[in-house]
C-alpha atoms as a PDB file:
ATOM      1  CA  MET A   1     -45.424   4.483 -15.956  1.00  0.00           C
ATOM      2  CA  LYS A   2     -46.106   0.844 -16.866  1.00  0.00           C
ATOM      3  CA  ARG A   3     -42.798   0.675 -18.719  1.00  0.00           C
ATOM      4  CA  PHE A   4     -40.969   2.032 -15.659  1.00  0.00           C
ATOM      5  CA  ILE A   5     -42.598  -0.554 -13.353  1.00  0.00           C
ATOM      6  CA  LEU A   6     -41.729  -3.314 -15.843  1.00  0.00           C
ATOM      7  CA  LEU A   7     -38.113  -2.136 -15.960  1.00  0.00           C
ATOM      8  CA  VAL A   8     -37.865  -2.164 -12.164  1.00  0.00           C
ATOM      9  CA  VAL A   9     -39.322  -5.679 -12.029  1.00  0.00           C
ATOM     10  CA  VAL A  10     -36.842  -6.927 -14.639  1.00  0.00           C
ATOM     11  CA  MET A  11     -33.925  -5.377 -12.758  1.00  0.00           C
ATOM     12  CA  MET A  12     -35.079  -6.999  -9.530  1.00  0.00           C
ATOM     13  CA  MET A  13     -35.341 -10.361 -11.248  1.00  0.00           C
ATOM     14  CA  LEU A  14     -31.851 -10.018 -12.709  1.00  0.00           C
ATOM     15  CA  ALA A  15     -30.455  -9.041  -9.308  1.00  0.00           C
ATOM     16  CA  ALA A  16     -32.107 -12.077  -7.775  1.00  0.00           C
ATOM     17  CA  CYS A  17     -30.382 -14.288 -10.376  1.00  0.00           C
ATOM     18  CA  VAL A  18     -26.890 -13.159  -9.316  1.00  0.00           C
ATOM     19  CA  PRO A  19     -25.268 -15.941  -7.271  1.00  0.00           C
ATOM     20  CA  PRO A  20     -24.546 -14.860  -3.662  1.00  0.00           C
ATOM     21  CA  GLY A  21     -20.854 -15.534  -4.109  1.00  0.00           C
ATOM     22  CA  GLU A  22     -20.662 -13.198  -7.106  1.00  0.00           C
ATOM     23  CA  VAL A  23     -22.089 -10.390  -4.958  1.00  0.00           C
ATOM     24  CA  PHE A  24     -19.156 -10.691  -2.541  1.00  0.00           C
ATOM     25  CA  ILE A  25     -16.658 -10.703  -5.413  1.00  0.00           C
ATOM     26  CA  ALA A  26     -18.208  -7.575  -6.938  1.00  0.00           C
ATOM     27  CA  LYS A  27     -18.337  -5.810  -3.562  1.00  0.00           C
ATOM     28  CA  SER A  28     -14.713  -6.702  -2.870  1.00  0.00           C
ATOM     29  CA  LYS A  29     -13.538  -5.228  -6.184  1.00  0.00           C
ATOM     30  CA  GLU A  30     -15.637  -2.117  -5.639  1.00  0.00           C
ATOM     31  CA  ALA A  31     -14.258  -1.694  -2.093  1.00  0.00           C
ATOM     32  CA  MET A  32     -10.676  -1.704  -3.396  1.00  0.00           C
ATOM     33  CA  LYS A  33     -11.323   1.658  -5.038  1.00  0.00           C
ATOM     34  CA  ALA A  34     -11.344   3.279  -1.571  1.00  0.00           C
ATOM     35  CA  PRO A  35      -8.276   5.380  -0.645  1.00  0.00           C
ATOM     36  CA  THR A  36      -7.578   3.552   2.621  1.00  0.00           C
ATOM     37  CA  HIS A  37      -7.820   0.034   4.009  1.00  0.00           C
ATOM     38  CA  LYS A  38     -10.245   1.082   6.734  1.00  0.00           C
ATOM     39  CA  GLU A  39     -12.627   2.713   4.255  1.00  0.00           C
ATOM     40  CA  ALA A  40     -12.450  -0.334   1.989  1.00  0.00           C
ATOM     41  CA  ILE A  41     -13.422  -2.695   4.812  1.00  0.00           C
ATOM     42  CA  GLU A  42     -16.279  -0.396   5.842  1.00  0.00           C
ATOM     43  CA  HIS A  43     -17.479  -0.211   2.242  1.00  0.00           C
ATOM     44  CA  TYR A  44     -17.339  -4.002   1.889  1.00  0.00           C
ATOM     45  CA  GLY A  45     -19.593  -4.539   4.886  1.00  0.00           C
ATOM     46  CA  LYS A  46     -21.937  -1.648   4.194  1.00  0.00           C
ATOM     47  CA  ASP A  47     -25.478  -2.482   3.136  1.00  0.00           C
ATOM     48  CA  SER A  48     -24.620  -6.164   2.686  1.00  0.00           C
ATOM     49  CA  LYS A  49     -25.943  -9.125   4.558  1.00  0.00           C
ATOM     50  CA  ILE A  50     -22.735 -10.682   5.870  1.00  0.00           C
ATOM     51  CA  ASN A  51     -22.764 -14.471   5.918  1.00  0.00           C
ATOM     52  CA  VAL A  52     -19.903 -15.639   8.155  1.00  0.00           C
ATOM     53  CA  HIS A  53     -20.363 -19.165   6.786  1.00  0.00           C
ATOM     54  CA  SER A  54     -19.698 -18.034   3.217  1.00  0.00           C
ATOM     55  CA  HIS A  55     -16.199 -18.854   1.955  1.00  0.00           C
ATOM     56  CA  LYS A  56     -16.654 -16.254  -0.787  1.00  0.00           C
ATOM     57  CA  TYR A  57     -17.344 -13.568   1.789  1.00  0.00           C
ATOM     58  CA  TYR A  58     -14.039 -14.338   3.529  1.00  0.00           C
ATOM     59  CA  SER A  59     -12.229 -14.647   0.211  1.00  0.00           C
ATOM     60  CA  GLY A  60     -13.390 -11.178  -0.804  1.00  0.00           C
ATOM     61  CA  LEU A  61     -12.409  -9.804   2.594  1.00  0.00           C
ATOM     62  CA  ALA A  62      -8.974 -11.424   2.313  1.00  0.00           C
ATOM     63  CA  ASP A  63      -8.469  -9.958  -1.168  1.00  0.00           C
ATOM     64  CA  ILE A  64      -9.075  -6.490   0.275  1.00  0.00           C
ATOM     65  CA  HIS A  65      -6.604  -7.048   3.111  1.00  0.00           C
ATOM     66  CA  ALA A  66      -3.970  -8.275   0.663  1.00  0.00           C
ATOM     67  CA  TYR A  67      -4.553  -5.373  -1.742  1.00  0.00           C
ATOM     68  CA  TYR A  68      -3.786  -2.830   0.991  1.00  0.00           C
ATOM     69  CA  GLY A  69      -0.803  -4.792   2.327  1.00  0.00           C
ATOM     70  CA  HIS A  70      -2.457  -6.172   5.473  1.00  0.00           C
ATOM     71  CA  TYR A  71      -1.108  -9.656   4.949  1.00  0.00           C
ATOM     72  CA  VAL A  72      -1.648 -11.036   8.473  1.00  0.00           C
ATOM     73  CA  GLU A  73      -5.350 -10.200   8.212  1.00  0.00           C
ATOM     74  CA  ALA A  74      -5.355 -11.646   4.685  1.00  0.00           C
ATOM     75  CA  VAL A  75      -3.938 -14.961   5.928  1.00  0.00           C
ATOM     76  CA  ASN A  76      -6.576 -15.106   8.667  1.00  0.00           C
ATOM     77  CA  ALA A  77      -9.423 -14.409   6.241  1.00  0.00           C
ATOM     78  CA  TYR A  78      -8.168 -16.911   3.643  1.00  0.00           C
ATOM     79  CA  THR A  79      -7.905 -19.485   6.444  1.00  0.00           C
ATOM     80  CA  ARG A  80     -11.563 -18.893   7.328  1.00  0.00           C
ATOM     81  CA  ALA A  81     -12.485 -19.281   3.660  1.00  0.00           C
ATOM     82  CA  ILE A  82     -10.562 -22.580   3.536  1.00  0.00           C
ATOM     83  CA  ARG A  83     -12.372 -23.872   6.613  1.00  0.00           C
ATOM     84  CA  ASN A  84     -15.688 -23.306   4.822  1.00  0.00           C
ATOM     85  CA  SER A  85     -14.505 -24.552   1.427  1.00  0.00           C
ATOM     86  CA  ASN A  86     -11.104 -26.175   0.886  1.00  0.00           C
ATOM     87  CA  LYS A  87     -10.546 -24.677  -2.562  1.00  0.00           C
ATOM     88  CA  ALA A  88      -7.161 -24.653  -4.299  1.00  0.00           C
ATOM     89  CA  ILE A  89      -7.446 -20.958  -5.156  1.00  0.00           C
ATOM     90  CA  TYR A  90      -7.683 -20.035  -1.474  1.00  0.00           C
ATOM     91  CA  HIS A  91      -4.538 -22.027  -0.692  1.00  0.00           C
ATOM     92  CA  LEU A  92      -2.813 -20.312  -3.613  1.00  0.00           C
ATOM     93  CA  LYS A  93      -3.788 -16.854  -2.377  1.00  0.00           C
ATOM     94  CA  ARG A  94      -2.931 -17.647   1.240  1.00  0.00           C
ATOM     95  CA  GLY A  95       0.443 -18.921   0.097  1.00  0.00           C
ATOM     96  CA  ARG A  96       1.081 -15.608  -1.639  1.00  0.00           C
ATOM     97  CA  ALA A  97       0.145 -13.739   1.543  1.00  0.00           C
ATOM     98  CA  TYR A  98       2.548 -15.929   3.525  1.00  0.00           C
ATOM     99  CA  MET A  99       5.237 -15.003   0.986  1.00  0.00           C
ATOM    100  CA  ARG A 100       4.708 -11.300   1.693  1.00  0.00           C
ATOM    101  CA  LEU A 101       5.084 -12.076   5.403  1.00  0.00           C
ATOM    102  CA  HIS A 102       8.331 -13.997   4.680  1.00  0.00           C
ATOM    103  CA  ILE A 103       6.779 -17.173   6.109  1.00  0.00           C
ATOM    104  CA  TYR A 104       8.109 -19.338   3.296  1.00  0.00           C
ATOM    105  CA  ARG A 105       7.631 -22.808   4.800  1.00  0.00           C
ATOM    106  CA  ASP A 106       3.895 -22.264   5.245  1.00  0.00           C
ATOM    107  CA  ALA A 107       3.734 -20.817   1.730  1.00  0.00           C
ATOM    108  CA  ILE A 108       5.362 -23.991   0.370  1.00  0.00           C
ATOM    109  CA  ILE A 109       2.792 -26.117   2.226  1.00  0.00           C
ATOM    110  CA  ASP A 110      -0.068 -24.176   0.608  1.00  0.00           C
ATOM    111  CA  PHE A 111       1.464 -24.296  -2.864  1.00  0.00           C
ATOM    112  CA  SER A 112       2.223 -28.013  -2.474  1.00  0.00           C
ATOM    113  CA  TYR A 113      -1.441 -28.632  -1.651  1.00  0.00           C
ATOM    114  CA  VAL A 114      -2.416 -26.954  -4.921  1.00  0.00           C
ATOM    115  CA  VAL A 115       0.161 -29.052  -6.792  1.00  0.00           C
ATOM    116  CA  GLN A 116      -1.305 -32.248  -5.303  1.00  0.00           C
ATOM    117  CA  LEU A 117      -4.767 -31.341  -6.608  1.00  0.00           C
ATOM    118  CA  ARG A 118      -3.326 -31.096 -10.142  1.00  0.00           C
ATOM    119  CA  GLY A 119      -6.014 -28.660 -11.253  1.00  0.00           C
ATOM    120  CA  LYS A 120      -5.971 -25.765 -13.689  1.00  0.00           C
ATOM    121  CA  THR A 121      -3.718 -23.739 -11.355  1.00  0.00           C
ATOM    122  CA  LEU A 122      -1.019 -26.448 -11.361  1.00  0.00           C
ATOM    123  CA  SER A 123       1.586 -24.554 -13.404  1.00  0.00           C
ATOM    124  CA  ILE A 124       0.998 -21.391 -11.346  1.00  0.00           C
ATOM    125  CA  ALA A 125       1.443 -23.356  -8.109  1.00  0.00           C
ATOM    126  CA  TYR A 126       4.779 -24.696  -9.373  1.00  0.00           C
ATOM    127  CA  VAL A 127       5.930 -21.159 -10.141  1.00  0.00           C
ATOM    128  CA  GLU A 128       4.812 -19.809  -6.760  1.00  0.00           C
ATOM    129  CA  ARG A 129       6.460 -22.694  -4.920  1.00  0.00           C
ATOM    130  CA  ALA A 130       9.637 -22.049  -6.892  1.00  0.00           C
ATOM    131  CA  LYS A 131       9.628 -18.453  -5.634  1.00  0.00           C
ATOM    132  CA  ALA A 132       9.359 -19.709  -2.049  1.00  0.00           C
ATOM    133  CA  HIS A 133      12.271 -22.102  -2.621  1.00  0.00           C
ATOM    134  CA  VAL A 134      14.296 -19.185  -4.003  1.00  0.00           C
ATOM    135  CA  GLU A 135      13.661 -17.129  -0.882  1.00  0.00           C
ATOM    136  CA  MET A 136      14.868 -20.056   1.235  1.00  0.00           C
ATOM    137  CA  GLY A 137      18.011 -20.386  -0.878  1.00  0.00           C
ATOM    138  CA  ASP A 138      16.976 -23.751  -2.332  1.00  0.00           C
ATOM    139  CA  PHE A 139      17.767 -22.942  -5.959  1.00  0.00           C
ATOM    140  CA  LYS A 140      17.841 -26.606  -7.033  1.00  0.00           C
ATOM    141  CA  SER A 141      14.200 -27.153  -5.992  1.00  0.00           C
ATOM    142  CA  ALA A 142      13.256 -23.800  -7.542  1.00  0.00           C
ATOM    143  CA  ILE A 143      14.740 -24.748 -10.920  1.00  0.00           C
ATOM    144  CA  SER A 144      12.984 -28.134 -10.766  1.00  0.00           C
ATOM    145  CA  ASP A 145       9.608 -26.489 -10.109  1.00  0.00           C
ATOM    146  CA  LEU A 146      10.097 -23.918 -12.860  1.00  0.00           C
ATOM    147  CA  ASN A 147      10.938 -26.655 -15.371  1.00  0.00           C
ATOM    148  CA  LYS A 148       7.734 -28.473 -14.378  1.00  0.00           C
ATOM    149  CA  ALA A 149       5.755 -25.249 -14.746  1.00  0.00           C
ATOM    150  CA  LYS A 150       7.183 -24.649 -18.217  1.00  0.00           C
ATOM    151  CA  LYS A 151       6.381 -28.231 -19.266  1.00  0.00           C
ATOM    152  CA  ARG A 152       2.743 -27.864 -18.196  1.00  0.00           C
ATOM    153  CA  GLY A 153       1.989 -24.224 -18.914  1.00  0.00           C
ATOM    154  CA  GLY A 154       4.554 -23.036 -21.424  1.00  0.00           C
ATOM    155  CA  GLU A 155       6.672 -19.887 -21.142  1.00  0.00           C
ATOM    156  CA  SER A 156       4.086 -17.621 -19.539  1.00  0.00           C
ATOM    157  CA  VAL A 157       4.716 -14.148 -18.160  1.00  0.00           C
ATOM    158  CA  THR A 158       4.422 -15.619 -14.665  1.00  0.00           C
ATOM    159  CA  LEU A 159       7.176 -18.111 -15.500  1.00  0.00           C
ATOM    160  CA  LEU A 160       9.406 -15.421 -17.029  1.00  0.00           C
ATOM    161  CA  VAL A 161       9.042 -13.305 -13.886  1.00  0.00           C
ATOM    162  CA  ALA A 162       9.889 -16.259 -11.663  1.00  0.00           C
ATOM    163  CA  MET A 163      12.977 -17.001 -13.769  1.00  0.00           C
ATOM    164  CA  GLY A 164      13.943 -13.351 -13.476  1.00  0.00           C
ATOM    165  CA  GLU A 165      13.540 -13.422  -9.703  1.00  0.00           C
ATOM    166  CA  LEU A 166      15.612 -16.616  -9.502  1.00  0.00           C
ATOM    167  CA  GLN A 167      18.458 -15.045 -11.482  1.00  0.00           C
ATOM    168  CA  TYR A 168      18.161 -11.905  -9.343  1.00  0.00           C
ATOM    169  CA  LYS A 169      18.552 -13.903  -6.125  1.00  0.00           C
ATOM    170  CA  MET A 170      21.531 -15.728  -7.599  1.00  0.00           C
ATOM    171  CA  GLY A 171      23.174 -12.395  -8.371  1.00  0.00           C
ATOM    172  CA  LYS A 172      22.918 -12.849 -12.133  1.00  0.00           C
ATOM    173  CA  TYR A 173      21.472  -9.419 -12.813  1.00  0.00           C
ATOM    174  CA  ALA A 174      21.940  -9.332 -16.595  1.00  0.00           C
ATOM    175  CA  ASP A 175      20.054 -12.627 -16.962  1.00  0.00           C
ATOM    176  CA  ALA A 176      17.367 -11.423 -14.546  1.00  0.00           C
ATOM    177  CA  LYS A 177      16.858  -8.299 -16.604  1.00  0.00           C
ATOM    178  CA  THR A 178      16.597 -10.320 -19.815  1.00  0.00           C
ATOM    179  CA  TYR A 179      13.748 -12.427 -18.438  1.00  0.00           C
ATOM    180  CA  ILE A 180      11.880  -9.432 -17.013  1.00  0.00           C
ATOM    181  CA  GLN A 181      12.250  -7.412 -20.212  1.00  0.00           C
ATOM    182  CA  LYS A 182      10.873 -10.364 -22.156  1.00  0.00           C
ATOM    183  CA  ALA A 183       7.885 -10.405 -19.799  1.00  0.00           C
ATOM    184  CA  ILE A 184       7.393  -6.653 -20.358  1.00  0.00           C
ATOM    185  CA  GLN A 185       7.160  -7.306 -24.120  1.00  0.00           C
ATOM    186  CA  HIS A 186       4.116  -9.460 -23.364  1.00  0.00           C
ATOM    187  CA  GLU A 187       2.568  -7.210 -20.697  1.00  0.00           C
ATOM    188  CA  SER A 188       3.768  -3.665 -21.164  1.00  0.00           C
ATOM    189  CA  MET A 189       1.168  -2.258 -18.768  1.00  0.00           C
ATOM    190  CA  ASN A 190       1.985  -4.539 -15.829  1.00  0.00           C
ATOM    191  CA  PRO A 191       3.375  -2.293 -13.031  1.00  0.00           C
ATOM    192  CA  GLU A 192       4.901  -5.238 -11.153  1.00  0.00           C
ATOM    193  CA  LEU A 193       7.285  -5.918 -14.043  1.00  0.00           C
ATOM    194  CA  TYR A 194       8.691  -2.390 -13.942  1.00  0.00           C
ATOM    195  CA  TYR A 195       9.082  -2.632 -10.167  1.00  0.00           C
ATOM    196  CA  LEU A 196      11.041  -5.870 -10.538  1.00  0.00           C
ATOM    197  CA  ARG A 197      13.258  -4.435 -13.263  1.00  0.00           C
ATOM    198  CA  ALA A 198      13.876  -1.383 -11.071  1.00  0.00           C
ATOM    199  CA  LYS A 199      15.230  -3.682  -8.348  1.00  0.00           C
ATOM    200  CA  VAL A 200      17.649  -5.191 -10.868  1.00  0.00           C
ATOM    201  CA  PHE A 201      18.766  -1.770 -12.129  1.00  0.00           C
ATOM    202  CA  TYR A 202      19.377  -0.619  -8.570  1.00  0.00           C
ATOM    203  CA  LYS A 203      21.551  -3.650  -7.854  1.00  0.00           C
ATOM    204  CA  GLU A 204      23.528  -2.695 -10.941  1.00  0.00           C
ATOM    205  CA  LYS A 205      24.035   0.785  -9.419  1.00  0.00           C
ATOM    206  CA  ASP A 206      21.843   2.375 -12.084  1.00  0.00           C
ATOM    207  CA  ALA A 207      19.641   4.607  -9.944  1.00  0.00           C
ATOM    208  CA  PHE A 208      18.498   6.683 -12.935  1.00  0.00           C
ATOM    209  CA  GLN A 209      16.895   3.705 -14.702  1.00  0.00           C
ATOM    210  CA  ALA A 210      15.586   2.296 -11.420  1.00  0.00           C
ATOM    211  CA  ILE A 211      13.780   5.559 -10.627  1.00  0.00           C
ATOM    212  CA  ALA A 212      12.413   5.716 -14.179  1.00  0.00           C
ATOM    213  CA  ASP A 213      10.961   2.209 -13.874  1.00  0.00           C
ATOM    214  CA  LEU A 214       9.478   2.913 -10.439  1.00  0.00           C
ATOM    215  CA  ASN A 215       7.792   6.038 -11.772  1.00  0.00           C
ATOM    216  CA  LYS A 216       6.498   3.996 -14.716  1.00  0.00           C
ATOM    217  CA  ALA A 217       5.014   1.478 -12.274  1.00  0.00           C
ATOM    218  CA  LEU A 218       3.277   4.315 -10.425  1.00  0.00           C
ATOM    219  CA  GLU A 219       2.097   5.850 -13.687  1.00  0.00           C
ATOM    220  CA  ILE A 220       0.282   2.582 -14.406  1.00  0.00           C
ATOM    221  CA  ASP A 221      -0.801   1.952 -10.801  1.00  0.00           C
ATOM    222  CA  LYS A 222      -0.636   5.025  -8.578  1.00  0.00           C
ATOM    223  CA  GLY A 223      -1.283   2.845  -5.532  1.00  0.00           C
ATOM    224  CA  HIS A 224       1.658   0.467  -6.037  1.00  0.00           C
ATOM    225  CA  LEU A 225       2.969   0.215  -2.460  1.00  0.00           C
ATOM    226  CA  ASP A 226       6.309  -1.452  -3.223  1.00  0.00           C
ATOM    227  CA  ALA A 227       7.182   1.149  -5.865  1.00  0.00           C
ATOM    228  CA  LYS A 228       6.370   3.985  -3.458  1.00  0.00           C
ATOM    229  CA  ARG A 229       8.416   2.391  -0.700  1.00  0.00           C
ATOM    230  CA  MET A 230      11.468   1.863  -2.904  1.00  0.00           C
ATOM    231  CA  LEU A 231      11.284   5.376  -4.344  1.00  0.00           C
ATOM    232  CA  ALA A 232      10.985   6.880  -0.858  1.00  0.00           C
ATOM    233  CA  TRP A 233      14.017   4.878   0.262  1.00  0.00           C
ATOM    234  CA  ILE A 234      16.127   5.897  -2.762  1.00  0.00           C
ATOM    235  CA  TYR A 235      15.137   9.559  -2.437  1.00  0.00           C
ATOM    236  CA  SER A 236      16.038   9.469   1.282  1.00  0.00           C
ATOM    237  CA  THR A 237      19.187   7.379   1.455  1.00  0.00           C
ATOM    238  CA  ASN A 238      21.039   7.205  -1.864  1.00  0.00           C
ATOM    239  CA  THR A 239      24.722   8.085  -1.627  1.00  0.00           C
ATOM    240  CA  ILE A 240      24.527  10.390  -4.680  1.00  0.00           C
ATOM    241  CA  SER A 241      22.786  13.685  -3.933  1.00  0.00           C
ATOM    242  CA  THR A 242      21.401  13.915  -7.486  1.00  0.00           C
ATOM    243  CA  TYR A 243      19.059  11.051  -6.696  1.00  0.00           C
ATOM    244  CA  ARG A 244      17.849  12.330  -3.327  1.00  0.00           C
ATOM    245  CA  ASN A 245      14.654  14.311  -2.867  1.00  0.00           C
ATOM    246  CA  GLY A 246      13.467  14.561   0.722  1.00  0.00           C
ATOM    247  CA  GLU A 247      10.156  16.254  -0.047  1.00  0.00           C
ATOM    248  CA  ILE A 248       9.012  13.605  -2.506  1.00  0.00           C
ATOM    249  CA  ALA A 249      10.339  10.874  -0.218  1.00  0.00           C
ATOM    250  CA  LEU A 250       8.323  12.236   2.693  1.00  0.00           C
ATOM    251  CA  LYS A 251       5.209  12.520   0.525  1.00  0.00           C
ATOM    252  CA  PHE A 252       5.432   8.853  -0.478  1.00  0.00           C
ATOM    253  CA  ALA A 253       6.355   7.724   3.046  1.00  0.00           C
ATOM    254  CA  ARG A 254       3.368   9.502   4.577  1.00  0.00           C
ATOM    255  CA  GLU A 255       1.050   7.996   1.964  1.00  0.00           C
ATOM    256  CA  LEU A 256       2.382   4.531   2.811  1.00  0.00           C
ATOM    257  CA  PHE A 257       1.844   5.078   6.527  1.00  0.00           C
ATOM    258  CA  GLU A 258      -1.683   6.390   5.953  1.00  0.00           C
ATOM    259  CA  ILE A 259      -2.602   3.338   3.884  1.00  0.00           C
ATOM    260  CA  ASN A 260      -0.921   0.824   6.163  1.00  0.00           C
ATOM    261  CA  ASN A 261       0.578   1.772   9.509  1.00  0.00           C
ATOM    262  CA  ASP A 262       2.984  -1.131   9.240  1.00  0.00           C
ATOM    263  CA  LEU A 263       6.426  -1.684  10.759  1.00  0.00           C
ATOM    264  CA  GLU A 264       7.991  -2.314   7.350  1.00  0.00           C
ATOM    265  CA  TYR A 265       7.505   1.392   6.579  1.00  0.00           C
ATOM    266  CA  VAL A 266       8.977   2.745   9.830  1.00  0.00           C
ATOM    267  CA  GLU A 267      12.565   3.055   8.601  1.00  0.00           C
ATOM    268  CA  VAL A 268      11.403   4.624   5.336  1.00  0.00           C
ATOM    269  CA  VAL A 269       9.303   7.262   7.112  1.00  0.00           C
ATOM    270  CA  ALA A 270      12.140   8.013   9.537  1.00  0.00           C
ATOM    271  CA  ALA A 271      14.685   8.317   6.709  1.00  0.00           C
ATOM    272  CA  ALA A 272      12.382  10.695   4.832  1.00  0.00           C
ATOM    273  CA  TYR A 273      11.976  12.909   7.903  1.00  0.00           C
ATOM    274  CA  ALA A 274      15.740  12.935   8.396  1.00  0.00           C
ATOM    275  CA  GLU A 275      16.369  13.838   4.761  1.00  0.00           C
ATOM    276  CA  THR A 276      14.176  16.923   5.232  1.00  0.00           C
ATOM    277  CA  GLY A 277      16.081  17.822   8.416  1.00  0.00           C
ATOM    278  CA  GLN A 278      13.331  16.718  10.827  1.00  0.00           C
ATOM    279  CA  PHE A 279      15.554  14.490  12.945  1.00  0.00           C
ATOM    280  CA  ALA A 280      13.378  14.692  16.076  1.00  0.00           C
ATOM    281  CA  LYS A 281      10.379  13.335  14.159  1.00  0.00           C
ATOM    282  CA  ALA A 282      12.539  10.603  12.649  1.00  0.00           C
ATOM    283  CA  ILE A 283      13.607   9.528  16.140  1.00  0.00           C
ATOM    284  CA  ASP A 284      10.021   9.584  17.445  1.00  0.00           C
ATOM    285  CA  VAL A 285       8.869   7.315  14.600  1.00  0.00           C
ATOM    286  CA  LEU A 286      11.647   4.821  15.332  1.00  0.00           C
ATOM    287  CA  LYS A 287      10.981   4.844  19.084  1.00  0.00           C
ATOM    288  CA  GLU A 288       7.343   4.043  18.412  1.00  0.00           C
ATOM    289  CA  GLY A 289       8.495   1.254  16.110  1.00  0.00           C
ATOM    290  CA  ILE A 290      10.662  -0.229  18.872  1.00  0.00           C
ATOM    291  CA  ILE A 291       7.661  -0.338  21.208  1.00  0.00           C
ATOM    292  CA  ILE A 292       5.433  -2.039  18.651  1.00  0.00           C
ATOM    293  CA  SER A 293       7.935  -4.465  17.105  1.00  0.00           C
ATOM    294  CA  THR A 294       8.402  -7.991  18.450  1.00  0.00           C
ATOM    295  CA  ASP A 295      11.399  -8.657  16.187  1.00  0.00           C
ATOM    296  CA  LEU A 296      14.633  -8.252  18.192  1.00  0.00           C
ATOM    297  CA  VAL A 297      16.764  -7.723  15.064  1.00  0.00           C
ATOM    298  CA  GLN A 298      14.363  -5.074  13.808  1.00  0.00           C
ATOM    299  CA  LYS A 299      14.418  -3.322  17.186  1.00  0.00           C
ATOM    300  CA  GLU A 300      18.221  -3.244  17.039  1.00  0.00           C
ATOM    301  CA  ASP A 301      18.126  -1.770  13.515  1.00  0.00           C
ATOM    302  CA  PHE A 302      15.788   0.963  14.758  1.00  0.00           C
ATOM    303  CA  ARG A 303      18.137   1.731  17.672  1.00  0.00           C
ATOM    304  CA  PHE A 304      21.084   1.976  15.294  1.00  0.00           C
ATOM    305  CA  ASP A 305      19.170   4.458  13.125  1.00  0.00           C
ATOM    306  CA  ILE A 306      18.264   6.494  16.217  1.00  0.00           C
ATOM    307  CA  LEU A 307      21.952   6.835  17.141  1.00  0.00           C
ATOM    308  CA  THR A 308      22.631   8.168  13.635  1.00  0.00           C
ATOM    309  CA  TYR A 309      19.787  10.678  13.727  1.00  0.00           C
ATOM    310  CA  GLU A 310      20.688  11.859  17.238  1.00  0.00           C
ATOM    311  CA  LYS A 311      23.951  13.096  15.701  1.00  0.00           C
ATOM    312  CA  GLU A 312      21.820  14.776  13.005  1.00  0.00           C
ATOM    313  CA  GLU A 313      23.407  12.585  10.368  1.00  0.00           C
ATOM    314  CA  ASN A 314      21.593  10.880   7.503  1.00  0.00           C
ATOM    315  CA  ILE A 315      21.698   7.228   6.520  1.00  0.00           C
ATOM    316  CA  ARG A 316      23.433   6.682   3.219  1.00  0.00           C
ATOM    317  CA  VAL A 317      23.142   3.267   1.585  1.00  0.00           C
ATOM    318  CA  TRP A 318      22.962   1.728  -1.871  1.00  0.00           C
END
């Protein structure tokens, strides 16, 4: 009995020694094991004394939002963390969230702030800023940043991926694949690398290899949202019937919508319904998307798809 009491006391003392910030980090990582975003957020707040003035609390919350693809919420939470503590890592993470929202100018501002601090994340900030420049079509600035990153951090996997993405955007698919495959040699269990190579294969009209890489990404990380989305789109819309599978497409599309009821998945869900012959459901999904969306171009795309499905025809693209 005395030994048991002593053990309890020791455990309590050890728990008391854990810095408050580390508790939030641990809870955030634990919450990400939940099947849905909502459950993860509930788990994060459960049985914990929330300190709204803690930058680490907001950082952990933002990490959860980003993990489940809720990038607007992630940006908001990282911003709150920055207001409490203007750390470079929060700017870096917020910049990445901006990238996923296609808000590249704000991403560049965040990455530039990290560059100015010239800390240990300097080479990473150069790489991330290069990616933003690529998305904006400024390849000259992207190449300059990547050269600076290589000079300061060497030829890391992050750099190889960025070089691959640059070549991909420039339409140099063979070169893109070379860089990504080199990165895979260093990190063979990184699902993101297989997803990126799948994008290159698909541009090269090699659906077989693209599907194989996407399945490999999901084998490593069954929750990889981008891989699920791309597979669902290929299985629903590819011009070659061999590569279409409506049932699997619908399975992935529904999983995506359950995790994140986001507009970027609307067309994928609708295409999956149409591929299984459920044109009425496809139309309903798109009509709901039109109501929710504030993007006029996106609304027009949804209307175009509706016209196709009203004729009970499927979308076929490559």
